[in-house]
């Protein structure tokens, strides 16, 4: 299964809004996990399934917050 994950960042990173991103993952993200997005580390605070899995893909939305250096 390939997990297509849309990452949305709450708050700011280095005083600026972060655009977030979408990418494919080998495993599903879980609340409490950390993820590196473009060189910054974020903690996942919420995960939602967008639509049921189809054709070997699962579609997820993950909300995360920046972990200050």
PDB file of N, CA and C in Angstrom:
ATOM      1  N   UNK A   1       0.851  -1.179   0.000  1.00  0.00           N
ATOM      2  CA  UNK A   1       0.000   0.000   0.000  1.00  0.00           C
ATOM      3  C   UNK A   1       0.892   1.236   0.000  1.00  0.00           C
ATOM      4  N   UNK A   2       0.558   2.177  -0.831  1.00  0.00           N
ATOM      5  CA  UNK A   2       1.231   3.481  -0.869  1.00  0.00           C
ATOM      6  C   UNK A   2       0.277   4.496  -0.238  1.00  0.00           C
ATOM      7  N   UNK A   3       0.819   5.295   0.669  1.00  0.00           N
ATOM      8  CA  UNK A   3       0.013   6.297   1.367  1.00  0.00           C
ATOM      9  C   UNK A   3       0.316   7.665   0.768  1.00  0.00           C
ATOM     10  N   UNK A   4      -0.647   8.255   0.106  1.00  0.00           N
ATOM     11  CA  UNK A   4      -0.503   9.603  -0.438  1.00  0.00           C
ATOM     12  C   UNK A   4      -0.980  10.557   0.656  1.00  0.00           C
ATOM     13  N   UNK A   5      -0.039  11.288   1.240  1.00  0.00           N
ATOM     14  CA  UNK A   5      -0.319  12.093   2.423  1.00  0.00           C
ATOM     15  C   UNK A   5      -0.206  13.579   2.104  1.00  0.00           C
ATOM     16  N   UNK A   6      -1.249  14.309   2.454  1.00  0.00           N
ATOM     17  CA  UNK A   6      -1.263  15.761   2.362  1.00  0.00           C
ATOM     18  C   UNK A   6      -0.922  16.305   3.746  1.00  0.00           C
ATOM     19  N   UNK A   7       0.224  16.967   3.874  1.00  0.00           N
ATOM     20  CA  UNK A   7       0.647  17.539   5.152  1.00  0.00           C
ATOM     21  C   UNK A   7       0.259  19.008   5.204  1.00  0.00           C
ATOM     22  N   UNK A   8      -0.471  19.393   6.250  1.00  0.00           N
ATOM     23  CA  UNK A   8      -0.861  20.783   6.470  1.00  0.00           C
ATOM     24  C   UNK A   8      -0.203  21.244   7.765  1.00  0.00           C
ATOM     25  N   UNK A   9       0.467  22.386   7.717  1.00  0.00           N
ATOM     26  CA  UNK A   9       1.202  22.899   8.871  1.00  0.00           C
ATOM     27  C   UNK A   9       0.396  23.996   9.555  1.00  0.00           C
ATOM     28  N   UNK A  10       0.174  23.821  10.859  1.00  0.00           N
ATOM     29  CA  UNK A  10      -0.470  24.865  11.681  1.00  0.00           C
ATOM     30  C   UNK A  10       0.597  25.816  12.200  1.00  0.00           C
ATOM     31  N   UNK A  11       0.232  27.076  12.284  1.00  0.00           N
ATOM     32  CA  UNK A  11       1.158  28.059  12.852  1.00  0.00           C
ATOM     33  C   UNK A  11       2.219  28.474  11.863  1.00  0.00           C
ATOM     34  N   UNK A  12       3.341  28.916  12.394  1.00  0.00           N
ATOM     35  CA  UNK A  12       4.424  29.426  11.552  1.00  0.00           C
ATOM     36  C   UNK A  12       5.707  28.639  11.793  1.00  0.00           C
ATOM     37  N   UNK A  13       6.616  28.766  10.834  1.00  0.00           N
ATOM     38  CA  UNK A  13       7.937  28.155  10.909  1.00  0.00           C
ATOM     39  C   UNK A  13       8.936  29.275  10.666  1.00  0.00           C
ATOM     40  N   UNK A  14       9.781  29.530  11.637  1.00  0.00           N
ATOM     41  CA  UNK A  14      10.748  30.634  11.530  1.00  0.00           C
ATOM     42  C   UNK A  14      10.031  31.951  11.235  1.00  0.00           C
ATOM     43  N   UNK A  15       8.828  32.124  11.813  1.00  0.00           N
ATOM     44  CA  UNK A  15       8.069  33.350  11.665  1.00  0.00           C
ATOM     45  C   UNK A  15       7.281  33.484  10.375  1.00  0.00           C
ATOM     46  N   UNK A  16       7.251  32.435   9.567  1.00  0.00           N
ATOM     47  CA  UNK A  16       6.539  32.486   8.282  1.00  0.00           C
ATOM     48  C   UNK A  16       5.581  31.301   8.166  1.00  0.00           C
ATOM     49  N   UNK A  17       4.540  31.474   7.342  1.00  0.00           N
ATOM     50  CA  UNK A  17       3.631  30.376   7.050  1.00  0.00           C
ATOM     51  C   UNK A  17       4.365  29.327   6.223  1.00  0.00           C
ATOM     52  N   UNK A  18       4.081  28.053   6.487  1.00  0.00           N
ATOM     53  CA  UNK A  18       4.656  26.954   5.715  1.00  0.00           C
ATOM     54  C   UNK A  18       3.587  26.436   4.766  1.00  0.00           C
ATOM     55  N   UNK A  19       3.919  26.240   3.525  1.00  0.00           N
ATOM     56  CA  UNK A  19       2.934  25.833   2.517  1.00  0.00           C
ATOM     57  C   UNK A  19       2.453  24.396   2.689  1.00  0.00           C
ATOM     58  N   UNK A  20       3.184  23.587   3.467  1.00  0.00           N
ATOM     59  CA  UNK A  20       2.840  22.176   3.545  1.00  0.00           C
ATOM     60  C   UNK A  20       3.224  21.495   2.239  1.00  0.00           C
ATOM     61  N   UNK A  21       2.863  20.222   2.099  1.00  0.00           N
ATOM     62  CA  UNK A  21       3.163  19.509   0.863  1.00  0.00           C
ATOM     63  C   UNK A  21       2.410  18.197   0.829  1.00  0.00           C
ATOM     64  N   UNK A  22       2.433  17.569  -0.325  1.00  0.00           N
ATOM     65  CA  UNK A  22       1.847  16.246  -0.505  1.00  0.00           C
ATOM     66  C   UNK A  22       2.936  15.329  -1.023  1.00  0.00           C
ATOM     67  N   UNK A  23       3.025  14.138  -0.430  1.00  0.00           N
ATOM     68  CA  UNK A  23       4.004  13.172  -0.920  1.00  0.00           C
ATOM     69  C   UNK A  23       3.547  11.760  -0.597  1.00  0.00           C
ATOM     70  N   UNK A  24       4.145  10.798  -1.282  1.00  0.00           N
ATOM     71  CA  UNK A  24       3.835   9.388  -1.056  1.00  0.00           C
ATOM     72  C   UNK A  24       4.726   8.847   0.049  1.00  0.00           C
ATOM     73  N   UNK A  25       4.143   8.020   0.917  1.00  0.00           N
ATOM     74  CA  UNK A  25       4.869   7.407   2.032  1.00  0.00           C
ATOM     75  C   UNK A  25       4.679   5.889   1.979  1.00  0.00           C
ATOM     76  N   UNK A  26       5.643   5.145   2.521  1.00  0.00           N
ATOM     77  CA  UNK A  26       5.542   3.688   2.586  1.00  0.00           C
ATOM     78  C   UNK A  26       4.689   3.209   3.754  1.00  0.00           C
ATOM     79  N   UNK A  27       4.534   4.061   4.767  1.00  0.00           N
ATOM     80  CA  UNK A  27       3.704   3.700   5.923  1.00  0.00           C
ATOM     81  C   UNK A  27       2.823   4.896   6.283  1.00  0.00           C
ATOM     82  N   UNK A  28       1.715   4.592   6.922  1.00  0.00           N
ATOM     83  CA  UNK A  28       0.767   5.640   7.297  1.00  0.00           C
ATOM     84  C   UNK A  28       1.309   6.448   8.475  1.00  0.00           C
ATOM     85  N   UNK A  29       1.200   7.767   8.425  1.00  0.00           N
ATOM     86  CA  UNK A  29       1.613   8.577   9.577  1.00  0.00           C
ATOM     87  C   UNK A  29       0.631   8.385  10.726  1.00  0.00           C
ATOM     88  N   UNK A  30       1.122   8.554  11.943  1.00  0.00           N
ATOM     89  CA  UNK A  30       0.290   8.440  13.136  1.00  0.00           C
ATOM     90  C   UNK A  30       0.499   9.656  14.021  1.00  0.00           C
ATOM     91  N   UNK A  31      -0.521   9.993  14.795  1.00  0.00           N
ATOM     92  CA  UNK A  31      -0.429  11.101  15.742  1.00  0.00           C
ATOM     93  C   UNK A  31       0.766  10.858  16.662  1.00  0.00           C
ATOM     94  N   UNK A  32       1.585  11.899  16.832  1.00  0.00           N
ATOM     95  CA  UNK A  32       2.774  11.807  17.673  1.00  0.00           C
ATOM     96  C   UNK A  32       4.049  11.554  16.889  1.00  0.00           C
ATOM     97  N   UNK A  33       3.934  11.041  15.655  1.00  0.00           N
ATOM     98  CA  UNK A  33       5.108  10.846  14.807  1.00  0.00           C
ATOM     99  C   UNK A  33       5.721  12.194  14.465  1.00  0.00           C
ATOM    100  N   UNK A  34       6.991  12.182  14.119  1.00  0.00           N
ATOM    101  CA  UNK A  34       7.625  13.381  13.566  1.00  0.00           C
ATOM    102  C   UNK A  34       7.941  13.114  12.105  1.00  0.00           C
ATOM    103  N   UNK A  35       7.963  14.194  11.331  1.00  0.00           N
ATOM    104  CA  UNK A  35       8.220  14.090   9.894  1.00  0.00           C
ATOM    105  C   UNK A  35       9.066  15.282   9.462  1.00  0.00           C
ATOM    106  N   UNK A  36      10.016  15.040   8.562  1.00  0.00           N
ATOM    107  CA  UNK A  36      10.854  16.097   8.020  1.00  0.00           C
ATOM    108  C   UNK A  36      10.223  16.583   6.722  1.00  0.00           C
ATOM    109  N   UNK A  37       9.881  17.852   6.685  1.00  0.00           N
ATOM    110  CA  UNK A  37       9.312  18.467   5.488  1.00  0.00           C
ATOM    111  C   UNK A  37      10.228  19.604   5.062  1.00  0.00           C
ATOM    112  N   UNK A  38      10.926  19.416   3.978  1.00  0.00           N
ATOM    113  CA  UNK A  38      11.813  20.448   3.422  1.00  0.00           C
ATOM    114  C   UNK A  38      12.835  20.951   4.438  1.00  0.00           C
ATOM    115  N   UNK A  39      13.378  20.035   5.251  1.00  0.00           N
ATOM    116  CA  UNK A  39      14.437  20.402   6.183  1.00  0.00           C
ATOM    117  C   UNK A  39      13.996  20.844   7.560  1.00  0.00           C
ATOM    118  N   UNK A  40      12.693  20.941   7.800  1.00  0.00           N
ATOM    119  CA  UNK A  40      12.180  21.283   9.120  1.00  0.00           C
ATOM    120  C   UNK A  40      11.427  20.083   9.691  1.00  0.00           C
ATOM    121  N   UNK A  41      11.484  19.920  11.013  1.00  0.00           N
ATOM    122  CA  UNK A  41      10.843  18.776  11.672  1.00  0.00           C
ATOM    123  C   UNK A  41       9.502  19.201  12.252  1.00  0.00           C
ATOM    124  N   UNK A  42       8.491  18.353  12.025  1.00  0.00           N
ATOM    125  CA  UNK A  42       7.127  18.623  12.464  1.00  0.00           C
ATOM    126  C   UNK A  42       6.582  17.430  13.224  1.00  0.00           C
ATOM    127  N   UNK A  43       5.710  17.710  14.214  1.00  0.00           N
ATOM    128  CA  UNK A  43       5.026  16.663  14.967  1.00  0.00           C
ATOM    129  C   UNK A  43       3.599  16.555  14.435  1.00  0.00           C
ATOM    130  N   UNK A  44       3.170  15.348  14.125  1.00  0.00           N
ATOM    131  CA  UNK A  44       1.828  15.124  13.599  1.00  0.00           C
ATOM    132  C   UNK A  44       0.826  15.160  14.750  1.00  0.00           C
ATOM    133  N   UNK A  45      -0.209  15.988  14.596  1.00  0.00           N
ATOM    134  CA  UNK A  45      -1.212  16.160  15.647  1.00  0.00           C
ATOM    135  C   UNK A  45      -2.567  15.556  15.277  1.00  0.00           C
ATOM    136  N   UNK A  46      -2.782  15.271  13.997  1.00  0.00           N
ATOM    137  CA  UNK A  46      -4.068  14.722  13.554  1.00  0.00           C
ATOM    138  C   UNK A  46      -3.868  14.032  12.207  1.00  0.00           C
ATOM    139  N   UNK A  47      -4.544  12.886  12.019  1.00  0.00           N
ATOM    140  CA  UNK A  47      -4.523  12.174  10.735  1.00  0.00           C
ATOM    141  C   UNK A  47      -5.954  11.811  10.381  1.00  0.00           C
ATOM    142  N   UNK A  48      -6.335  12.097   9.140  1.00  0.00           N
ATOM    143  CA  UNK A  48      -7.677  11.774   8.661  1.00  0.00           C
ATOM    144  C   UNK A  48      -7.587  11.060   7.330  1.00  0.00           C
ATOM    145  N   UNK A  49      -8.444  10.056   7.140  1.00  0.00           N
ATOM    146  CA  UNK A  49      -8.561   9.401   5.848  1.00  0.00           C
ATOM    147  C   UNK A  49      -9.444  10.272   4.965  1.00  0.00           C
ATOM    148  N   UNK A  50      -8.970  10.620   3.775  1.00  0.00           N
ATOM    149  CA  UNK A  50      -9.737  11.481   2.884  1.00  0.00           C
ATOM    150  C   UNK A  50     -10.797  10.694   2.109  1.00  0.00           C
ATOM    151  N   UNK A  51     -10.382   9.576   1.526  1.00  0.00           N
ATOM    152  CA  UNK A  51     -11.312   8.682   0.842  1.00  0.00           C
ATOM    153  C   UNK A  51     -10.842   7.256   1.096  1.00  0.00           C
ATOM    154  N   UNK A  52     -11.706   6.267   0.926  1.00  0.00           N
ATOM    155  CA  UNK A  52     -11.277   4.879   1.137  1.00  0.00           C
ATOM    156  C   UNK A  52     -10.132   4.504   0.176  1.00  0.00           C
ATOM    157  N   UNK A  53      -9.264   3.586   0.614  1.00  0.00           N
ATOM    158  CA  UNK A  53      -8.161   3.144  -0.242  1.00  0.00           C
ATOM    159  C   UNK A  53      -8.669   2.629  -1.589  1.00  0.00           C
ATOM    160  N   UNK A  54      -7.905   2.917  -2.645  1.00  0.00           N
ATOM    161  CA  UNK A  54      -8.265   2.501  -4.002  1.00  0.00           C
ATOM    162  C   UNK A  54      -7.010   2.133  -4.776  1.00  0.00           C
ATOM    163  N   UNK A  55      -7.037   1.002  -5.438  1.00  0.00           N
ATOM    164  CA  UNK A  55      -5.948   0.625  -6.344  1.00  0.00           C
ATOM    165  C   UNK A  55      -4.570   0.652  -5.730  1.00  0.00           C
ATOM    166  N   UNK A  56      -4.428   0.227  -4.486  1.00  0.00           N
ATOM    167  CA  UNK A  56      -3.114   0.209  -3.841  1.00  0.00           C
ATOM    168  C   UNK A  56      -2.687   1.525  -3.225  1.00  0.00           C
ATOM    169  N   UNK A  57      -3.564   2.532  -3.253  1.00  0.00           N
ATOM    170  CA  UNK A  57      -3.268   3.832  -2.657  1.00  0.00           C
ATOM    171  C   UNK A  57      -4.258   4.139  -1.547  1.00  0.00           C
ATOM    172  N   UNK A  58      -3.762   4.720  -0.453  1.00  0.00           N
ATOM    173  CA  UNK A  58      -4.608   5.263   0.618  1.00  0.00           C
ATOM    174  C   UNK A  58      -4.359   6.770   0.615  1.00  0.00           C
ATOM    175  N   UNK A  59      -5.406   7.542   0.800  1.00  0.00           N
ATOM    176  CA  UNK A  59      -5.313   9.010   0.737  1.00  0.00           C
ATOM    177  C   UNK A  59      -5.575   9.593   2.117  1.00  0.00           C
ATOM    178  N   UNK A  60      -4.538  10.229   2.691  1.00  0.00           N
ATOM    179  CA  UNK A  60      -4.609  10.739   4.052  1.00  0.00           C
ATOM    180  C   UNK A  60      -4.271  12.223   4.111  1.00  0.00           C
ATOM    181  N   UNK A  61      -4.791  12.863   5.144  1.00  0.00           N
ATOM    182  CA  UNK A  61      -4.464  14.261   5.443  1.00  0.00           C
ATOM    183  C   UNK A  61      -3.870  14.279   6.848  1.00  0.00           C
ATOM    184  N   UNK A  62      -2.688  14.868   7.000  1.00  0.00           N
ATOM    185  CA  UNK A  62      -2.038  14.953   8.304  1.00  0.00           C
ATOM    186  C   UNK A  62      -1.815  16.421   8.663  1.00  0.00           C
ATOM    187  N   UNK A  63      -2.282  16.797   9.843  1.00  0.00           N
ATOM    188  CA  UNK A  63      -2.044  18.136  10.370  1.00  0.00           C
ATOM    189  C   UNK A  63      -0.833  18.047  11.287  1.00  0.00           C
ATOM    190  N   UNK A  64       0.069  19.018  11.182  1.00  0.00           N
ATOM    191  CA  UNK A  64       1.269  18.964  12.014  1.00  0.00           C
ATOM    192  C   UNK A  64       1.687  20.363  12.460  1.00  0.00           C
ATOM    193  N   UNK A  65       2.555  20.375  13.462  1.00  0.00           N
ATOM    194  CA  UNK A  65       3.078  21.624  14.015  1.00  0.00           C
ATOM    195  C   UNK A  65       4.601  21.540  14.052  1.00  0.00           C
ATOM    196  N   UNK A  66       5.225  22.672  13.811  1.00  0.00           N
ATOM    197  CA  UNK A  66       6.680  22.753  13.797  1.00  0.00           C
ATOM    198  C   UNK A  66       7.251  22.442  15.168  1.00  0.00           C
ATOM    199  N   UNK A  67       8.326  21.660  15.184  1.00  0.00           N
ATOM    200  CA  UNK A  67       9.076  21.388  16.397  1.00  0.00           C
ATOM    201  C   UNK A  67      10.244  22.355  16.392  1.00  0.00           C
ATOM    202  N   UNK A  68      10.203  23.354  17.274  1.00  0.00           N
ATOM    203  CA  UNK A  68      11.256  24.390  17.308  1.00  0.00           C
ATOM    204  C   UNK A  68      12.612  23.759  17.533  1.00  0.00           C
ATOM    205  N   UNK A  69      13.613  24.322  16.878  1.00  0.00           N
ATOM    206  CA  UNK A  69      14.995  23.816  16.990  1.00  0.00           C
ATOM    207  C   UNK A  69      15.490  23.860  18.417  1.00  0.00           C
TER     208      UNK A  69
END
